[in-house]
Structures are given as structure tokens and as C-alpha cells.
């Protein structure tokens, strides 16, 4: 077996999920994002370390050094 002879498994490849293309597709309307909240908005990314209003771990542990 050589690296240049390896081929991808044809059974393993999946079709792309096309979202927002009608309710009959199963991924229409909200496109699998739910209704409200940060991750449902466009450009809605939660910043690193954000825990939904709970005091983040970084601030809960005591300072040292």
C-alpha cells in the first residue's frame, strides 16, 4: 500500500446539508438553528470562555504568580 494509491471510501462521503430551502426539506425556516439566542443570529459567535452569564472559570480560580 502506497500513499499515492489510496482512494476515499465512496460509501463514507455524505451529501451537503442544504439549509433554508423550504419546509419540505426538513431544514427550512430556522435552518436547524432554533428560534432565539446567540447562535441563531447572523454573525452570532459566543466569545471564548463565555458561559452564558455564569462567572467564567478563568475568573473563578484564584490568581497566582
C-alpha atoms as a PDB file:
ATOM      1  CA  UNK A   1       0.000   0.000   0.000  1.00  0.00           C
ATOM      2  CA  UNK A   2       1.343   3.393  -1.031  1.00  0.00           C
ATOM      3  CA  UNK A   3       0.121   6.878  -0.219  1.00  0.00           C
ATOM      4  CA  UNK A   4      -0.495   7.688  -3.891  1.00  0.00           C
ATOM      5  CA  UNK A   5      -2.776   4.659  -4.363  1.00  0.00           C
ATOM      6  CA  UNK A   6      -5.187   5.434  -1.502  1.00  0.00           C
ATOM      7  CA  UNK A   7      -8.710   6.407  -2.598  1.00  0.00           C
ATOM      8  CA  UNK A   8     -11.506   7.807  -0.434  1.00  0.00           C
ATOM      9  CA  UNK A   9     -14.197   5.350   0.588  1.00  0.00           C
ATOM     10  CA  UNK A  10     -17.227   6.059  -1.670  1.00  0.00           C
ATOM     11  CA  UNK A  11     -19.680   4.851   0.987  1.00  0.00           C
ATOM     12  CA  UNK A  12     -18.302   7.285   3.549  1.00  0.00           C
ATOM     13  CA  UNK A  13     -18.980  10.525   1.636  1.00  0.00           C
ATOM     14  CA  UNK A  14     -22.125  12.377   2.623  1.00  0.00           C
ATOM     15  CA  UNK A  15     -24.170  14.919   0.707  1.00  0.00           C
ATOM     16  CA  UNK A  16     -24.018  18.553   1.802  1.00  0.00           C
ATOM     17  CA  UNK A  17     -26.843  19.732   4.034  1.00  0.00           C
ATOM     18  CA  UNK A  18     -28.633  22.480   2.101  1.00  0.00           C
ATOM     19  CA  UNK A  19     -30.428  24.615   4.640  1.00  0.00           C
ATOM     20  CA  UNK A  20     -33.093  27.283   4.209  1.00  0.00           C
ATOM     21  CA  UNK A  21     -34.611  25.751   1.088  1.00  0.00           C
ATOM     22  CA  UNK A  22     -38.231  25.229   2.085  1.00  0.00           C
ATOM     23  CA  UNK A  23     -40.066  23.458   4.878  1.00  0.00           C
ATOM     24  CA  UNK A  24     -40.269  20.148   2.981  1.00  0.00           C
ATOM     25  CA  UNK A  25     -36.505  19.719   3.200  1.00  0.00           C
ATOM     26  CA  UNK A  26     -36.611  19.458   6.986  1.00  0.00           C
ATOM     27  CA  UNK A  27     -34.125  22.331   7.283  1.00  0.00           C
ATOM     28  CA  UNK A  28     -36.271  25.265   6.222  1.00  0.00           C
ATOM     29  CA  UNK A  29     -37.392  28.312   8.195  1.00  0.00           C
ATOM     30  CA  UNK A  30     -34.823  28.472  11.019  1.00  0.00           C
ATOM     31  CA  UNK A  31     -32.343  26.207   9.189  1.00  0.00           C
ATOM     32  CA  UNK A  32     -31.626  23.987  12.169  1.00  0.00           C
ATOM     33  CA  UNK A  33     -30.590  26.897  14.398  1.00  0.00           C
ATOM     34  CA  UNK A  34     -33.600  27.025  16.739  1.00  0.00           C
ATOM     35  CA  UNK A  35     -35.546  30.216  17.361  1.00  0.00           C
ATOM     36  CA  UNK A  36     -33.705  32.659  19.591  1.00  0.00           C
ATOM     37  CA  UNK A  37     -30.331  33.051  21.219  1.00  0.00           C
ATOM     38  CA  UNK A  38     -26.795  33.989  20.313  1.00  0.00           C
ATOM     39  CA  UNK A  39     -26.091  31.098  17.954  1.00  0.00           C
ATOM     40  CA  UNK A  40     -29.276  31.647  15.950  1.00  0.00           C
ATOM     41  CA  UNK A  41     -28.302  35.185  14.891  1.00  0.00           C
ATOM     42  CA  UNK A  42     -26.235  36.015  11.873  1.00  0.00           C
ATOM     43  CA  UNK A  43     -22.641  36.509  12.931  1.00  0.00           C
ATOM     44  CA  UNK A  44     -23.597  35.193  16.361  1.00  0.00           C
ATOM     45  CA  UNK A  45     -20.469  33.722  17.854  1.00  0.00           C
ATOM     46  CA  UNK A  46     -20.048  33.309  21.586  1.00  0.00           C
ATOM     47  CA  UNK A  47     -16.694  34.610  22.733  1.00  0.00           C
ATOM     48  CA  UNK A  48     -14.133  32.181  24.105  1.00  0.00           C
ATOM     49  CA  UNK A  49     -14.689  31.477  27.786  1.00  0.00           C
ATOM     50  CA  UNK A  50     -18.247  32.869  27.859  1.00  0.00           C
ATOM     51  CA  UNK A  51     -20.523  30.695  29.998  1.00  0.00           C
ATOM     52  CA  UNK A  52     -23.910  32.303  29.456  1.00  0.00           C
ATOM     53  CA  UNK A  53     -23.663  34.886  32.233  1.00  0.00           C
ATOM     54  CA  UNK A  54     -22.254  32.491  34.821  1.00  0.00           C
ATOM     55  CA  UNK A  55     -18.937  33.612  36.305  1.00  0.00           C
ATOM     56  CA  UNK A  56     -16.322  32.186  33.891  1.00  0.00           C
ATOM     57  CA  UNK A  57     -13.838  29.597  35.090  1.00  0.00           C
ATOM     58  CA  UNK A  58     -10.969  31.998  34.449  1.00  0.00           C
ATOM     59  CA  UNK A  59     -12.421  34.455  36.982  1.00  0.00           C
ATOM     60  CA  UNK A  60     -13.495  31.785  39.482  1.00  0.00           C
ATOM     61  CA  UNK A  61     -10.000  30.366  40.064  1.00  0.00           C
ATOM     62  CA  UNK A  62      -7.736  32.390  42.350  1.00  0.00           C
ATOM     63  CA  UNK A  63      -4.885  34.429  40.893  1.00  0.00           C
ATOM     64  CA  UNK A  64      -1.335  33.246  41.429  1.00  0.00           C
ATOM     65  CA  UNK A  65       2.116  34.012  40.131  1.00  0.00           C
END
